[in-house]
Amino acid sequence: MRKVLLAAAVLALATPAVAGTLQEVTTKGIVLSVQGMDIDVTYTPDGKFTAMDGQVTGEWRIDGEKLCTKSNFDPNEQCVEYPKDKKSGDSFEVVGPQGAATIKIK
């Protein structure tokens, strides 16, 4: 379970992409699908995020084309690349340090 939470935190918060995709992700939120679980991730304008009904909390920031995150499950900052030009309702796969996951922008 800890591995799933860690993967969720890393993939949810670590994401290189274009400003448009990252803007959509951080304003609308995402559903992260990893290892058979759908995890709702919510971002706030002050650079914070929550997932798994508050079990995962952390901070996010955009660095160029990357969304970088750190969480209570992994205090080390991680970044993951997102594809360009995605919008609300789009789904796509990302690969982070913990492996692949599917992201759907709410």
PDB file of N, CA and C in Angstrom:
ATOM      1  N   MET A   1       0.828  -1.189   0.000  1.00  0.00           N
ATOM      2  CA  MET A   1       0.000   0.000   0.000  1.00  0.00           C
ATOM      3  C   MET A   1       0.874   1.255   0.000  1.00  0.00           C
ATOM      4  N   ARG A   2       1.946   1.226   0.775  1.00  0.00           N
ATOM      5  CA  ARG A   2       2.846   2.386   0.816  1.00  0.00           C
ATOM      6  C   ARG A   2       3.417   2.668  -0.569  1.00  0.00           C
ATOM      7  N   LYS A   3       3.739   1.610  -1.314  1.00  0.00           N
ATOM      8  CA  LYS A   3       4.283   1.784  -2.663  1.00  0.00           C
ATOM      9  C   LYS A   3       3.258   2.459  -3.575  1.00  0.00           C
ATOM     10  N   VAL A   4       1.995   2.075  -3.451  1.00  0.00           N
ATOM     11  CA  VAL A   4       0.930   2.693  -4.247  1.00  0.00           C
ATOM     12  C   VAL A   4       0.785   4.160  -3.864  1.00  0.00           C
ATOM     13  N   LEU A   5       0.795   4.450  -2.571  1.00  0.00           N
ATOM     14  CA  LEU A   5       0.680   5.835  -2.117  1.00  0.00           C
ATOM     15  C   LEU A   5       1.858   6.666  -2.604  1.00  0.00           C
ATOM     16  N   LEU A   6       3.043   6.087  -2.531  1.00  0.00           N
ATOM     17  CA  LEU A   6       4.230   6.784  -3.001  1.00  0.00           C
ATOM     18  C   LEU A   6       4.144   7.041  -4.499  1.00  0.00           C
ATOM     19  N   ALA A   7       3.727   6.034  -5.255  1.00  0.00           N
ATOM     20  CA  ALA A   7       3.573   6.204  -6.706  1.00  0.00           C
ATOM     21  C   ALA A   7       2.541   7.279  -7.007  1.00  0.00           C
ATOM     22  N   ALA A   8       1.451   7.271  -6.264  1.00  0.00           N
ATOM     23  CA  ALA A   8       0.402   8.275  -6.476  1.00  0.00           C
ATOM     24  C   ALA A   8       0.933   9.672  -6.203  1.00  0.00           C
ATOM     25  N   ALA A   9       1.640   9.814  -5.115  1.00  0.00           N
ATOM     26  CA  ALA A   9       2.173  11.129  -4.766  1.00  0.00           C
ATOM     27  C   ALA A   9       3.180  11.610  -5.798  1.00  0.00           C
ATOM     28  N   VAL A  10       4.075  10.734  -6.200  1.00  0.00           N
ATOM     29  CA  VAL A  10       5.104  11.110  -7.164  1.00  0.00           C
ATOM     30  C   VAL A  10       4.493  11.451  -8.505  1.00  0.00           C
ATOM     31  N   LEU A  11       3.625  10.613  -9.004  1.00  0.00           N
ATOM     32  CA  LEU A  11       3.047  10.845 -10.324  1.00  0.00           C
ATOM     33  C   LEU A  11       2.068  11.999 -10.328  1.00  0.00           C
ATOM     34  N   ALA A  12       1.364  12.163  -9.253  1.00  0.00           N
ATOM     35  CA  ALA A  12       0.405  13.262  -9.200  1.00  0.00           C
ATOM     36  C   ALA A  12       1.091  14.604  -9.153  1.00  0.00           C
ATOM     37  N   LEU A  13       2.211  14.666  -8.536  1.00  0.00           N
ATOM     38  CA  LEU A  13       2.846  15.947  -8.342  1.00  0.00           C
ATOM     39  C   LEU A  13       4.061  16.169  -9.198  1.00  0.00           C
ATOM     40  N   ALA A  14       4.587  15.170  -9.789  1.00  0.00           N
ATOM     41  CA  ALA A  14       5.755  15.335 -10.628  1.00  0.00           C
ATOM     42  C   ALA A  14       5.342  15.182 -12.068  1.00  0.00           C
ATOM     43  N   THR A  15       5.334  16.285 -12.808  1.00  0.00           N
ATOM     44  CA  THR A  15       4.807  16.205 -14.151  1.00  0.00           C
ATOM     45  C   THR A  15       5.326  17.283 -15.082  1.00  0.00           C
ATOM     46  N   PRO A  16       6.307  16.996 -15.982  1.00  0.00           N
ATOM     47  CA  PRO A  16       6.695  17.997 -16.947  1.00  0.00           C
ATOM     48  C   PRO A  16       5.692  18.056 -18.075  1.00  0.00           C
ATOM     49  N   ALA A  17       5.247  19.222 -18.412  1.00  0.00           N
ATOM     50  CA  ALA A  17       4.313  19.386 -19.513  1.00  0.00           C
ATOM     51  C   ALA A  17       4.299  20.824 -19.951  1.00  0.00           C
ATOM     52  N   VAL A  18       3.447  21.097 -20.894  1.00  0.00           N
ATOM     53  CA  VAL A  18       3.271  22.462 -21.367  1.00  0.00           C
ATOM     54  C   VAL A  18       2.388  23.198 -20.381  1.00  0.00           C
ATOM     55  N   ALA A  19       2.548  24.501 -20.340  1.00  0.00           N
ATOM     56  CA  ALA A  19       1.775  25.315 -19.403  1.00  0.00           C
ATOM     57  C   ALA A  19       0.288  25.032 -19.514  1.00  0.00           C
ATOM     58  N   GLY A  20      -0.243  24.823 -20.720  1.00  0.00           N
ATOM     59  CA  GLY A  20      -1.666  24.548 -20.894  1.00  0.00           C
ATOM     60  C   GLY A  20      -2.098  23.293 -20.168  1.00  0.00           C
ATOM     61  N   THR A  21      -1.365  22.215 -20.350  1.00  0.00           N
ATOM     62  CA  THR A  21      -1.691  20.961 -19.670  1.00  0.00           C
ATOM     63  C   THR A  21      -1.534  21.125 -18.162  1.00  0.00           C
ATOM     64  N   LEU A  22      -0.427  21.706 -17.744  1.00  0.00           N
ATOM     65  CA  LEU A  22      -0.186  21.879 -16.310  1.00  0.00           C
ATOM     66  C   LEU A  22      -1.212  22.803 -15.679  1.00  0.00           C
ATOM     67  N   GLN A  23      -1.629  23.814 -16.405  1.00  0.00           N
ATOM     68  CA  GLN A  23      -2.675  24.716 -15.916  1.00  0.00           C
ATOM     69  C   GLN A  23      -3.971  23.937 -15.702  1.00  0.00           C
ATOM     70  N   GLU A  24      -4.330  23.107 -16.666  1.00  0.00           N
ATOM     71  CA  GLU A  24      -5.544  22.287 -16.546  1.00  0.00           C
ATOM     72  C   GLU A  24      -5.434  21.327 -15.362  1.00  0.00           C
ATOM     73  N   VAL A  25      -4.292  20.656 -15.250  1.00  0.00           N
ATOM     74  CA  VAL A  25      -4.080  19.687 -14.169  1.00  0.00           C
ATOM     75  C   VAL A  25      -4.214  20.356 -12.807  1.00  0.00           C
ATOM     76  N   THR A  26      -3.541  21.491 -12.626  1.00  0.00           N
ATOM     77  CA  THR A  26      -3.499  22.112 -11.303  1.00  0.00           C
ATOM     78  C   THR A  26      -4.739  22.927 -10.961  1.00  0.00           C
ATOM     79  N   THR A  27      -5.557  23.261 -11.943  1.00  0.00           N
ATOM     80  CA  THR A  27      -6.801  23.971 -11.622  1.00  0.00           C
ATOM     81  C   THR A  27      -8.000  23.038 -11.564  1.00  0.00           C
ATOM     82  N   LYS A  28      -8.017  22.002 -12.378  1.00  0.00           N
ATOM     83  CA  LYS A  28      -9.165  21.086 -12.422  1.00  0.00           C
ATOM     84  C   LYS A  28      -8.971  19.864 -11.531  1.00  0.00           C
ATOM     85  N   GLY A  29      -7.705  19.442 -11.337  1.00  0.00           N
ATOM     86  CA  GLY A  29      -7.427  18.210 -10.612  1.00  0.00           C
ATOM     87  C   GLY A  29      -7.376  17.037 -11.570  1.00  0.00           C
ATOM     88  N   ILE A  30      -7.003  15.882 -11.038  1.00  0.00           N
ATOM     89  CA  ILE A  30      -6.862  14.683 -11.866  1.00  0.00           C
ATOM     90  C   ILE A  30      -7.403  13.456 -11.145  1.00  0.00           C
ATOM     91  N   VAL A  31      -7.619  12.411 -11.933  1.00  0.00           N
ATOM     92  CA  VAL A  31      -7.819  11.071 -11.402  1.00  0.00           C
ATOM     93  C   VAL A  31      -6.629  10.269 -11.903  1.00  0.00           C
ATOM     94  N   LEU A  32      -5.843   9.776 -10.976  1.00  0.00           N
ATOM     95  CA  LEU A  32      -4.645   9.007 -11.261  1.00  0.00           C
ATOM     96  C   LEU A  32      -4.996   7.531 -11.153  1.00  0.00           C
ATOM     97  N   SER A  33      -4.787   6.775 -12.222  1.00  0.00           N
ATOM     98  CA  SER A  33      -5.055   5.332 -12.209  1.00  0.00           C
ATOM     99  C   SER A  33      -3.719   4.599 -12.208  1.00  0.00           C
ATOM    100  N   VAL A  34      -3.471   3.882 -11.108  1.00  0.00           N
ATOM    101  CA  VAL A  34      -2.214   3.163 -10.956  1.00  0.00           C
ATOM    102  C   VAL A  34      -2.472   1.877 -10.184  1.00  0.00           C
ATOM    103  N   GLN A  35      -1.925   0.778 -10.664  1.00  0.00           N
ATOM    104  CA  GLN A  35      -2.043  -0.527 -10.020  1.00  0.00           C
ATOM    105  C   GLN A  35      -3.491  -0.872  -9.677  1.00  0.00           C
ATOM    106  N   GLY A  36      -4.409  -0.582 -10.597  1.00  0.00           N
ATOM    107  CA  GLY A  36      -5.811  -0.925 -10.416  1.00  0.00           C
ATOM    108  C   GLY A  36      -6.598  -0.005  -9.501  1.00  0.00           C
ATOM    109  N   MET A  37      -5.987   1.076  -9.065  1.00  0.00           N
ATOM    110  CA  MET A  37      -6.669   2.026  -8.182  1.00  0.00           C
ATOM    111  C   MET A  37      -6.872   3.353  -8.901  1.00  0.00           C
ATOM    112  N   ASP A  38      -8.030   3.983  -8.680  1.00  0.00           N
ATOM    113  CA  ASP A  38      -8.293   5.333  -9.164  1.00  0.00           C
ATOM    114  C   ASP A  38      -8.160   6.282  -7.981  1.00  0.00           C
ATOM    115  N   ILE A  39      -7.249   7.237  -8.094  1.00  0.00           N
ATOM    116  CA  ILE A  39      -6.929   8.135  -6.995  1.00  0.00           C
ATOM    117  C   ILE A  39      -7.240   9.569  -7.408  1.00  0.00           C
ATOM    118  N   ASP A  40      -8.136  10.199  -6.674  1.00  0.00           N
ATOM    119  CA  ASP A  40      -8.529  11.582  -6.919  1.00  0.00           C
ATOM    120  C   ASP A  40      -7.473  12.508  -6.309  1.00  0.00           C
ATOM    121  N   VAL A  41      -6.929  13.400  -7.133  1.00  0.00           N
ATOM    122  CA  VAL A  41      -5.911  14.343  -6.667  1.00  0.00           C
ATOM    123  C   VAL A  41      -6.424  15.761  -6.883  1.00  0.00           C
ATOM    124  N   THR A  42      -6.368  16.568  -5.826  1.00  0.00           N
ATOM    125  CA  THR A  42      -6.824  17.954  -5.877  1.00  0.00           C
ATOM    126  C   THR A  42      -5.647  18.880  -5.583  1.00  0.00           C
ATOM    127  N   TYR A  43      -5.495  19.894  -6.421  1.00  0.00           N
ATOM    128  CA  TYR A  43      -4.437  20.895  -6.269  1.00  0.00           C
ATOM    129  C   TYR A  43      -5.066  22.215  -5.837  1.00  0.00           C
ATOM    130  N   THR A  44      -4.353  22.989  -5.025  1.00  0.00           N
ATOM    131  CA  THR A  44      -4.835  24.312  -4.623  1.00  0.00           C
ATOM    132  C   THR A  44      -3.862  25.373  -5.143  1.00  0.00           C
ATOM    133  N   PRO A  45      -4.363  26.599  -5.339  1.00  0.00           N
ATOM    134  CA  PRO A  45      -3.520  27.660  -5.905  1.00  0.00           C
ATOM    135  C   PRO A  45      -2.285  28.003  -5.067  1.00  0.00           C
ATOM    136  N   ASP A  46      -2.307  27.656  -3.789  1.00  0.00           N
ATOM    137  CA  ASP A  46      -1.167  27.972  -2.919  1.00  0.00           C
ATOM    138  C   ASP A  46      -0.048  26.935  -2.991  1.00  0.00           C
ATOM    139  N   GLY A  47      -0.103  26.041  -3.988  1.00  0.00           N
ATOM    140  CA  GLY A  47       0.961  25.070  -4.180  1.00  0.00           C
ATOM    141  C   GLY A  47       0.853  23.826  -3.320  1.00  0.00           C
ATOM    142  N   LYS A  48      -0.338  23.506  -2.855  1.00  0.00           N
ATOM    143  CA  LYS A  48      -0.568  22.301  -2.045  1.00  0.00           C
ATOM    144  C   LYS A  48      -1.435  21.321  -2.837  1.00  0.00           C
ATOM    145  N   PHE A  49      -1.385  20.040  -2.458  1.00  0.00           N
ATOM    146  CA  PHE A  49      -2.270  19.052  -3.055  1.00  0.00           C
ATOM    147  C   PHE A  49      -2.653  18.001  -2.021  1.00  0.00           C
ATOM    148  N   THR A  50      -3.748  17.320  -2.288  1.00  0.00           N
ATOM    149  CA  THR A  50      -4.186  16.199  -1.456  1.00  0.00           C
ATOM    150  C   THR A  50      -4.645  15.070  -2.362  1.00  0.00           C
ATOM    151  N   ALA A  51      -4.539  13.851  -1.842  1.00  0.00           N
ATOM    152  CA  ALA A  51      -4.990  12.662  -2.561  1.00  0.00           C
ATOM    153  C   ALA A  51      -5.396  11.614  -1.537  1.00  0.00           C
ATOM    154  N   MET A  52      -6.124  10.609  -2.006  1.00  0.00           N
ATOM    155  CA  MET A  52      -6.549   9.491  -1.166  1.00  0.00           C
ATOM    156  C   MET A  52      -7.245   9.979   0.100  1.00  0.00           C
ATOM    157  N   ASP A  53      -8.255  10.834  -0.096  1.00  0.00           N
ATOM    158  CA  ASP A  53      -9.055  11.353   1.017  1.00  0.00           C
ATOM    159  C   ASP A  53      -8.200  11.977   2.114  1.00  0.00           C
ATOM    160  N   GLY A  54      -7.155  12.683   1.709  1.00  0.00           N
ATOM    161  CA  GLY A  54      -6.305  13.382   2.662  1.00  0.00           C
ATOM    162  C   GLY A  54      -5.160  12.568   3.231  1.00  0.00           C
ATOM    163  N   GLN A  55      -5.073  11.269   2.875  1.00  0.00           N
ATOM    164  CA  GLN A  55      -3.967  10.456   3.372  1.00  0.00           C
ATOM    165  C   GLN A  55      -2.633  10.905   2.788  1.00  0.00           C
ATOM    166  N   VAL A  56      -2.681  11.426   1.566  1.00  0.00           N
ATOM    167  CA  VAL A  56      -1.482  11.952   0.916  1.00  0.00           C
ATOM    168  C   VAL A  56      -1.637  13.467   0.824  1.00  0.00           C
ATOM    169  N   THR A  57      -0.664  14.186   1.351  1.00  0.00           N
ATOM    170  CA  THR A  57      -0.647  15.647   1.264  1.00  0.00           C
ATOM    171  C   THR A  57       0.738  16.071   0.807  1.00  0.00           C
ATOM    172  N   GLY A  58       0.800  17.223   0.165  1.00  0.00           N
ATOM    173  CA  GLY A  58       2.114  17.667  -0.276  1.00  0.00           C
ATOM    174  C   GLY A  58       2.084  19.018  -0.939  1.00  0.00           C
ATOM    175  N   GLU A  59       3.187  19.309  -1.602  1.00  0.00           N
ATOM    176  CA  GLU A  59       3.375  20.580  -2.285  1.00  0.00           C
ATOM    177  C   GLU A  59       3.694  20.328  -3.749  1.00  0.00           C
ATOM    178  N   TRP A  60       3.286  21.264  -4.606  1.00  0.00           N
ATOM    179  CA  TRP A  60       3.594  21.178  -6.028  1.00  0.00           C
ATOM    180  C   TRP A  60       4.127  22.520  -6.511  1.00  0.00           C
ATOM    181  N   ARG A  61       4.879  22.464  -7.618  1.00  0.00           N
ATOM    182  CA  ARG A  61       5.350  23.669  -8.292  1.00  0.00           C
ATOM    183  C   ARG A  61       5.610  23.325  -9.751  1.00  0.00           C
ATOM    184  N   ILE A  62       5.505  24.326 -10.590  1.00  0.00           N
ATOM    185  CA  ILE A  62       5.803  24.151 -12.006  1.00  0.00           C
ATOM    186  C   ILE A  62       7.210  24.669 -12.244  1.00  0.00           C
ATOM    187  N   ASP A  63       8.011  23.867 -12.937  1.00  0.00           N
ATOM    188  CA  ASP A  63       9.385  24.230 -13.278  1.00  0.00           C
ATOM    189  C   ASP A  63       9.546  24.048 -14.780  1.00  0.00           C
ATOM    190  N   GLY A  64       9.355  25.122 -15.518  1.00  0.00           N
ATOM    191  CA  GLY A  64       9.418  25.024 -16.972  1.00  0.00           C
ATOM    192  C   GLY A  64       8.294  24.156 -17.485  1.00  0.00           C
ATOM    193  N   GLU A  65       8.645  23.027 -18.070  1.00  0.00           N
ATOM    194  CA  GLU A  65       7.652  22.094 -18.592  1.00  0.00           C
ATOM    195  C   GLU A  65       7.365  20.966 -17.612  1.00  0.00           C
ATOM    196  N   LYS A  66       7.722  21.131 -16.361  1.00  0.00           N
ATOM    197  CA  LYS A  66       7.563  20.067 -15.371  1.00  0.00           C
ATOM    198  C   LYS A  66       6.678  20.506 -14.217  1.00  0.00           C
ATOM    199  N   LEU A  67       5.922  19.549 -13.716  1.00  0.00           N
ATOM    200  CA  LEU A  67       5.208  19.729 -12.458  1.00  0.00           C
ATOM    201  C   LEU A  67       5.972  18.894 -11.441  1.00  0.00           C
ATOM    202  N   CYS A  68       6.502  19.544 -10.441  1.00  0.00           N
ATOM    203  CA  CYS A  68       7.323  18.865  -9.443  1.00  0.00           C
ATOM    204  C   CYS A  68       6.564  18.817  -8.125  1.00  0.00           C
ATOM    205  N   THR A  69       6.681  17.689  -7.429  1.00  0.00           N
ATOM    206  CA  THR A  69       5.950  17.521  -6.182  1.00  0.00           C
ATOM    207  C   THR A  69       6.807  16.844  -5.119  1.00  0.00           C
ATOM    208  N   LYS A  70       6.391  17.047  -3.886  1.00  0.00           N
ATOM    209  CA  LYS A  70       6.913  16.289  -2.748  1.00  0.00           C
ATOM    210  C   LYS A  70       5.746  16.100  -1.799  1.00  0.00           C
ATOM    211  N   SER A  71       5.765  15.001  -1.042  1.00  0.00           N
ATOM    212  CA  SER A  71       4.603  14.666  -0.220  1.00  0.00           C
ATOM    213  C   SER A  71       5.019  14.102   1.128  1.00  0.00           C
ATOM    214  N   ASN A  72       4.007  13.853   1.950  1.00  0.00           N
ATOM    215  CA  ASN A  72       4.252  13.229   3.246  1.00  0.00           C
ATOM    216  C   ASN A  72       4.751  11.791   3.091  1.00  0.00           C
ATOM    217  N   PHE A  73       4.556  11.172   1.928  1.00  0.00           N
ATOM    218  CA  PHE A  73       5.060   9.821   1.693  1.00  0.00           C
ATOM    219  C   PHE A  73       6.444   9.826   1.058  1.00  0.00           C
ATOM    220  N   ASP A  74       6.816  10.932   0.413  1.00  0.00           N
ATOM    221  CA  ASP A  74       8.145  11.059  -0.176  1.00  0.00           C
ATOM    222  C   ASP A  74       8.553  12.526  -0.144  1.00  0.00           C
ATOM    223  N   PRO A  75       9.368  12.907   0.835  1.00  0.00           N
ATOM    224  CA  PRO A  75       9.762  14.309   0.961  1.00  0.00           C
ATOM    225  C   PRO A  75      10.743  14.765  -0.127  1.00  0.00           C
ATOM    226  N   ASN A  76      11.270  13.826  -0.905  1.00  0.00           N
ATOM    227  CA  ASN A  76      12.163  14.181  -2.004  1.00  0.00           C
ATOM    228  C   ASN A  76      11.348  14.661  -3.191  1.00  0.00           C
ATOM    229  N   GLU A  77      11.709  15.807  -3.725  1.00  0.00           N
ATOM    230  CA  GLU A  77      10.976  16.338  -4.873  1.00  0.00           C
ATOM    231  C   GLU A  77      11.155  15.427  -6.083  1.00  0.00           C
ATOM    232  N   GLN A  78      10.035  15.149  -6.753  1.00  0.00           N
ATOM    233  CA  GLN A  78      10.019  14.330  -7.966  1.00  0.00           C
ATOM    234  C   GLN A  78       9.329  15.111  -9.069  1.00  0.00           C
ATOM    235  N   CYS A  79       9.759  14.913 -10.298  1.00  0.00           N
ATOM    236  CA  CYS A  79       9.136  15.575 -11.444  1.00  0.00           C
ATOM    237  C   CYS A  79       8.781  14.530 -12.501  1.00  0.00           C
ATOM    238  N   VAL A  80       7.633  14.726 -13.144  1.00  0.00           N
ATOM    239  CA  VAL A  80       7.145  13.793 -14.161  1.00  0.00           C
ATOM    240  C   VAL A  80       6.707  14.588 -15.387  1.00  0.00           C
ATOM    241  N   GLU A  81       6.974  14.072 -16.564  1.00  0.00           N
ATOM    242  CA  GLU A  81       6.621  14.783 -17.793  1.00  0.00           C
ATOM    243  C   GLU A  81       5.207  14.463 -18.252  1.00  0.00           C
ATOM    244  N   TYR A  82       4.450  15.514 -18.541  1.00  0.00           N
ATOM    245  CA  TYR A  82       3.098  15.371 -19.093  1.00  0.00           C
ATOM    246  C   TYR A  82       3.126  15.771 -20.560  1.00  0.00           C
ATOM    247  N   PRO A  83       2.215  15.235 -21.355  1.00  0.00           N
ATOM    248  CA  PRO A  83       2.142  15.633 -22.767  1.00  0.00           C
ATOM    249  C   PRO A  83       1.592  17.048 -22.912  1.00  0.00           C
ATOM    250  N   LYS A  84       1.829  17.617 -24.057  1.00  0.00           N
ATOM    251  CA  LYS A  84       1.372  18.981 -24.345  1.00  0.00           C
ATOM    252  C   LYS A  84      -0.099  19.006 -24.732  1.00  0.00           C
ATOM    253  N   ASP A  85      -0.696  20.181 -24.537  1.00  0.00           N
ATOM    254  CA  ASP A  85      -2.015  20.516 -25.091  1.00  0.00           C
ATOM    255  C   ASP A  85      -3.165  19.618 -24.642  1.00  0.00           C
ATOM    256  N   LYS A  86      -3.141  19.134 -23.414  1.00  0.00           N
ATOM    257  CA  LYS A  86      -4.254  18.342 -22.888  1.00  0.00           C
ATOM    258  C   LYS A  86      -5.203  19.260 -22.131  1.00  0.00           C
ATOM    259  N   LYS A  87      -6.478  18.840 -22.092  1.00  0.00           N
ATOM    260  CA  LYS A  87      -7.499  19.662 -21.444  1.00  0.00           C
ATOM    261  C   LYS A  87      -8.422  18.791 -20.605  1.00  0.00           C
ATOM    262  N   SER A  88      -9.338  19.422 -19.906  1.00  0.00           N
ATOM    263  CA  SER A  88     -10.295  18.724 -19.063  1.00  0.00           C
ATOM    264  C   SER A  88     -10.993  17.620 -19.848  1.00  0.00           C
ATOM    265  N   GLY A  89     -11.040  16.422 -19.274  1.00  0.00           N
ATOM    266  CA  GLY A  89     -11.668  15.269 -19.919  1.00  0.00           C
ATOM    267  C   GLY A  89     -10.685  14.370 -20.643  1.00  0.00           C
ATOM    268  N   ASP A  90      -9.482  14.869 -20.941  1.00  0.00           N
ATOM    269  CA  ASP A  90      -8.479  14.063 -21.638  1.00  0.00           C
ATOM    270  C   ASP A  90      -7.823  13.070 -20.685  1.00  0.00           C
ATOM    271  N   SER A  91      -7.467  11.898 -21.229  1.00  0.00           N
ATOM    272  CA  SER A  91      -6.708  10.883 -20.500  1.00  0.00           C
ATOM    273  C   SER A  91      -5.422  10.599 -21.258  1.00  0.00           C
ATOM    274  N   PHE A  92      -4.364  10.278 -20.522  1.00  0.00           N
ATOM    275  CA  PHE A  92      -3.076   9.993 -21.142  1.00  0.00           C
ATOM    276  C   PHE A  92      -2.208   9.254 -20.132  1.00  0.00           C
ATOM    277  N   GLU A  93      -1.138   8.637 -20.632  1.00  0.00           N
ATOM    278  CA  GLU A  93      -0.224   7.906 -19.766  1.00  0.00           C
ATOM    279  C   GLU A  93       1.006   8.756 -19.484  1.00  0.00           C
ATOM    280  N   VAL A  94       1.487   8.666 -18.255  1.00  0.00           N
ATOM    281  CA  VAL A  94       2.748   9.293 -17.869  1.00  0.00           C
ATOM    282  C   VAL A  94       3.628   8.229 -17.227  1.00  0.00           C
ATOM    283  N   VAL A  95       4.933   8.464 -17.268  1.00  0.00           N
ATOM    284  CA  VAL A  95       5.874   7.550 -16.636  1.00  0.00           C
ATOM    285  C   VAL A  95       6.727   8.357 -15.671  1.00  0.00           C
ATOM    286  N   GLY A  96       6.705   7.927 -14.421  1.00  0.00           N
ATOM    287  CA  GLY A  96       7.488   8.590 -13.385  1.00  0.00           C
ATOM    288  C   GLY A  96       8.449   7.606 -12.750  1.00  0.00           C
ATOM    289  N   PRO A  97       9.117   8.015 -11.692  1.00  0.00           N
ATOM    290  CA  PRO A  97      10.087   7.157 -11.016  1.00  0.00           C
ATOM    291  C   PRO A  97       9.494   5.834 -10.520  1.00  0.00           C
ATOM    292  N   GLN A  98       8.204   5.803 -10.246  1.00  0.00           N
ATOM    293  CA  GLN A  98       7.559   4.591  -9.741  1.00  0.00           C
ATOM    294  C   GLN A  98       6.882   3.776 -10.839  1.00  0.00           C
ATOM    295  N   GLY A  99       7.018   4.196 -12.101  1.00  0.00           N
ATOM    296  CA  GLY A  99       6.416   3.456 -13.206  1.00  0.00           C
ATOM    297  C   GLY A  99       5.344   4.253 -13.923  1.00  0.00           C
ATOM    298  N   ALA A 100       4.556   3.534 -14.726  1.00  0.00           N
ATOM    299  CA  ALA A 100       3.531   4.166 -15.564  1.00  0.00           C
ATOM    300  C   ALA A 100       2.208   4.310 -14.816  1.00  0.00           C
ATOM    301  N   ALA A 101       1.458   5.342 -15.216  1.00  0.00           N
ATOM    302  CA  ALA A 101       0.121   5.569 -14.670  1.00  0.00           C
ATOM    303  C   ALA A 101      -0.701   6.283 -15.730  1.00  0.00           C
ATOM    304  N   THR A 102      -2.013   6.162 -15.610  1.00  0.00           N
ATOM    305  CA  THR A 102      -2.921   6.886 -16.492  1.00  0.00           C
ATOM    306  C   THR A 102      -3.485   8.067 -15.721  1.00  0.00           C
ATOM    307  N   ILE A 103      -3.490   9.214 -16.374  1.00  0.00           N
ATOM    308  CA  ILE A 103      -3.999  10.452 -15.792  1.00  0.00           C
ATOM    309  C   ILE A 103      -5.233  10.867 -16.573  1.00  0.00           C
ATOM    310  N   LYS A 104      -6.290  11.249 -15.869  1.00  0.00           N
ATOM    311  CA  LYS A 104      -7.454  11.864 -16.505  1.00  0.00           C
ATOM    312  C   LYS A 104      -7.653  13.216 -15.841  1.00  0.00           C
ATOM    313  N   ILE A 105      -7.666  14.262 -16.665  1.00  0.00           N
ATOM    314  CA  ILE A 105      -7.911  15.599 -16.131  1.00  0.00           C
ATOM    315  C   ILE A 105      -9.402  15.739 -15.889  1.00  0.00           C
ATOM    316  N   LYS A 106      -9.783  16.159 -14.687  1.00  0.00           N
ATOM    317  CA  LYS A 106     -11.202  16.319 -14.341  1.00  0.00           C
ATOM    318  C   LYS A 106     -11.819  17.435 -15.154  1.00  0.00           C
TER     319      LYS A 106
END
